Amino acid sequence: MDSRELFDLALVVLAGLLAYTETFGFADPRATLEEILAVLVTLDVRVYLVLGGLFGIAFVAYLVVYLPKKDARSMRS
């Protein structure tokens, strides 16, 4: 991993921690995890299908748009 990827990973972890503490505070983590799992279990299957579809579209766009540009840049260097 280069330094940019480590920095991006640190930002994602920090944003996740901030979002968690903003939403649930500093309560018991086990209780809040159970609340999160209970909400996820009660979601309709269509929500998972839509989220899976959006993830699939983003992944295909990454494969088709970003990777060829990255490969072309690395070939020039």
C-alpha atoms as a PDB file:
ATOM      1  CA  MET A   1       0.000   0.000   0.000  1.00  0.00           C
ATOM      2  CA  ASP A   2       1.240   3.443  -0.757  1.00  0.00           C
ATOM      3  CA  SER A   3       0.829   6.409   1.549  1.00  0.00           C
ATOM      4  CA  ARG A   4      -2.241   7.717  -0.286  1.00  0.00           C
ATOM      5  CA  GLU A   5      -4.142   4.442   0.199  1.00  0.00           C
ATOM      6  CA  LEU A   6      -3.253   4.391   3.894  1.00  0.00           C
ATOM      7  CA  PHE A   7      -4.439   7.983   4.245  1.00  0.00           C
ATOM      8  CA  ASP A   8      -7.724   7.174   2.476  1.00  0.00           C
ATOM      9  CA  LEU A   9      -8.224   4.126   4.681  1.00  0.00           C
ATOM     10  CA  ALA A  10      -7.585   6.196   7.803  1.00  0.00           C
ATOM     11  CA  LEU A  11     -10.151   8.762   6.635  1.00  0.00           C
ATOM     12  CA  VAL A  12     -12.760   6.064   6.043  1.00  0.00           C
ATOM     13  CA  VAL A  13     -12.170   4.576   9.495  1.00  0.00           C
ATOM     14  CA  LEU A  14     -12.343   8.007  11.105  1.00  0.00           C
ATOM     15  CA  ALA A  15     -15.555   8.886   9.264  1.00  0.00           C
ATOM     16  CA  GLY A  16     -17.094   5.566  10.321  1.00  0.00           C
ATOM     17  CA  LEU A  17     -16.175   6.126  13.955  1.00  0.00           C
ATOM     18  CA  LEU A  18     -17.530   9.669  13.889  1.00  0.00           C
ATOM     19  CA  ALA A  19     -20.777   8.534  12.259  1.00  0.00           C
ATOM     20  CA  TYR A  20     -21.139   5.754  14.827  1.00  0.00           C
ATOM     21  CA  THR A  21     -20.564   8.010  17.819  1.00  0.00           C
ATOM     22  CA  GLU A  22     -22.815  10.718  16.369  1.00  0.00           C
ATOM     23  CA  THR A  23     -25.624   8.218  15.862  1.00  0.00           C
ATOM     24  CA  PHE A  24     -25.294   6.036  18.957  1.00  0.00           C
ATOM     25  CA  GLY A  25     -23.052   8.036  21.283  1.00  0.00           C
ATOM     26  CA  PHE A  26     -20.700   6.264  23.633  1.00  0.00           C
ATOM     27  CA  ALA A  27     -23.270   3.698  24.735  1.00  0.00           C
ATOM     28  CA  ASP A  28     -22.675  -0.013  25.189  1.00  0.00           C
ATOM     29  CA  PRO A  29     -21.288  -1.231  21.822  1.00  0.00           C
ATOM     30  CA  ARG A  30     -22.850  -4.677  22.166  1.00  0.00           C
ATOM     31  CA  ALA A  31     -26.348  -3.217  22.651  1.00  0.00           C
ATOM     32  CA  THR A  32     -25.987  -0.862  19.697  1.00  0.00           C
ATOM     33  CA  LEU A  33     -24.650  -3.674  17.529  1.00  0.00           C
ATOM     34  CA  GLU A  34     -27.735  -5.702  18.378  1.00  0.00           C
ATOM     35  CA  GLU A  35     -29.910  -2.703  17.444  1.00  0.00           C
ATOM     36  CA  ILE A  36     -28.137  -2.358  14.114  1.00  0.00           C
ATOM     37  CA  LEU A  37     -28.519  -6.065  13.366  1.00  0.00           C
ATOM     38  CA  ALA A  38     -32.201  -5.936  14.322  1.00  0.00           C
ATOM     39  CA  VAL A  39     -32.772  -3.080  11.876  1.00  0.00           C
ATOM     40  CA  LEU A  40     -30.900  -4.909   9.109  1.00  0.00           C
ATOM     41  CA  VAL A  41     -32.899  -8.097   9.668  1.00  0.00           C
ATOM     42  CA  THR A  42     -36.231  -6.259   9.452  1.00  0.00           C
ATOM     43  CA  LEU A  43     -35.414  -4.620   6.103  1.00  0.00           C
ATOM     44  CA  ASP A  44     -37.346  -5.858   3.102  1.00  0.00           C
ATOM     45  CA  VAL A  45     -35.527  -8.009   0.551  1.00  0.00           C
ATOM     46  CA  ARG A  46     -36.105  -5.310  -2.093  1.00  0.00           C
ATOM     47  CA  VAL A  47     -33.826  -2.971  -0.169  1.00  0.00           C
ATOM     48  CA  TYR A  48     -31.023  -5.516  -0.399  1.00  0.00           C
ATOM     49  CA  LEU A  49     -31.703  -6.013  -4.111  1.00  0.00           C
ATOM     50  CA  VAL A  50     -31.550  -2.272  -4.789  1.00  0.00           C
ATOM     51  CA  LEU A  51     -28.359  -1.859  -2.750  1.00  0.00           C
ATOM     52  CA  GLY A  52     -26.806  -4.865  -4.486  1.00  0.00           C
ATOM     53  CA  GLY A  53     -27.762  -3.410  -7.862  1.00  0.00           C
ATOM     54  CA  LEU A  54     -26.237  -0.047  -7.014  1.00  0.00           C
ATOM     55  CA  PHE A  55     -23.067  -1.739  -5.827  1.00  0.00           C
ATOM     56  CA  GLY A  56     -22.964  -3.778  -9.044  1.00  0.00           C
ATOM     57  CA  ILE A  57     -23.374  -0.666 -11.199  1.00  0.00           C
ATOM     58  CA  ALA A  58     -20.605   1.119  -9.303  1.00  0.00           C
ATOM     59  CA  PHE A  59     -18.319  -1.913  -9.597  1.00  0.00           C
ATOM     60  CA  VAL A  60     -18.869  -2.272 -13.353  1.00  0.00           C
ATOM     61  CA  ALA A  61     -18.310   1.464 -13.806  1.00  0.00           C
ATOM     62  CA  TYR A  62     -15.042   1.102 -11.882  1.00  0.00           C
ATOM     63  CA  LEU A  63     -13.990  -1.777 -14.135  1.00  0.00           C
ATOM     64  CA  VAL A  64     -14.970  -0.055 -17.368  1.00  0.00           C
ATOM     65  CA  VAL A  65     -14.033   3.561 -16.689  1.00  0.00           C
ATOM     66  CA  TYR A  66     -11.338   3.820 -14.033  1.00  0.00           C
ATOM     67  CA  LEU A  67      -9.153   0.767 -14.574  1.00  0.00           C
ATOM     68  CA  PRO A  68      -8.452   1.351 -18.292  1.00  0.00           C
ATOM     69  CA  LYS A  69      -7.423   4.949 -17.533  1.00  0.00           C
ATOM     70  CA  LYS A  70      -5.157   3.788 -14.713  1.00  0.00           C
ATOM     71  CA  ASP A  71      -3.601   1.138 -16.946  1.00  0.00           C
ATOM     72  CA  ALA A  72      -3.026   3.676 -19.719  1.00  0.00           C
ATOM     73  CA  ARG A  73      -1.285   6.034 -17.285  1.00  0.00           C
ATOM     74  CA  SER A  74       0.942   3.270 -15.967  1.00  0.00           C
ATOM     75  CA  MET A  75       1.920   2.261 -19.505  1.00  0.00           C
ATOM     76  CA  ARG A  76       3.139   5.816 -20.229  1.00  0.00           C
ATOM     77  CA  SER A  77       5.279   6.006 -17.095  1.00  0.00           C
END
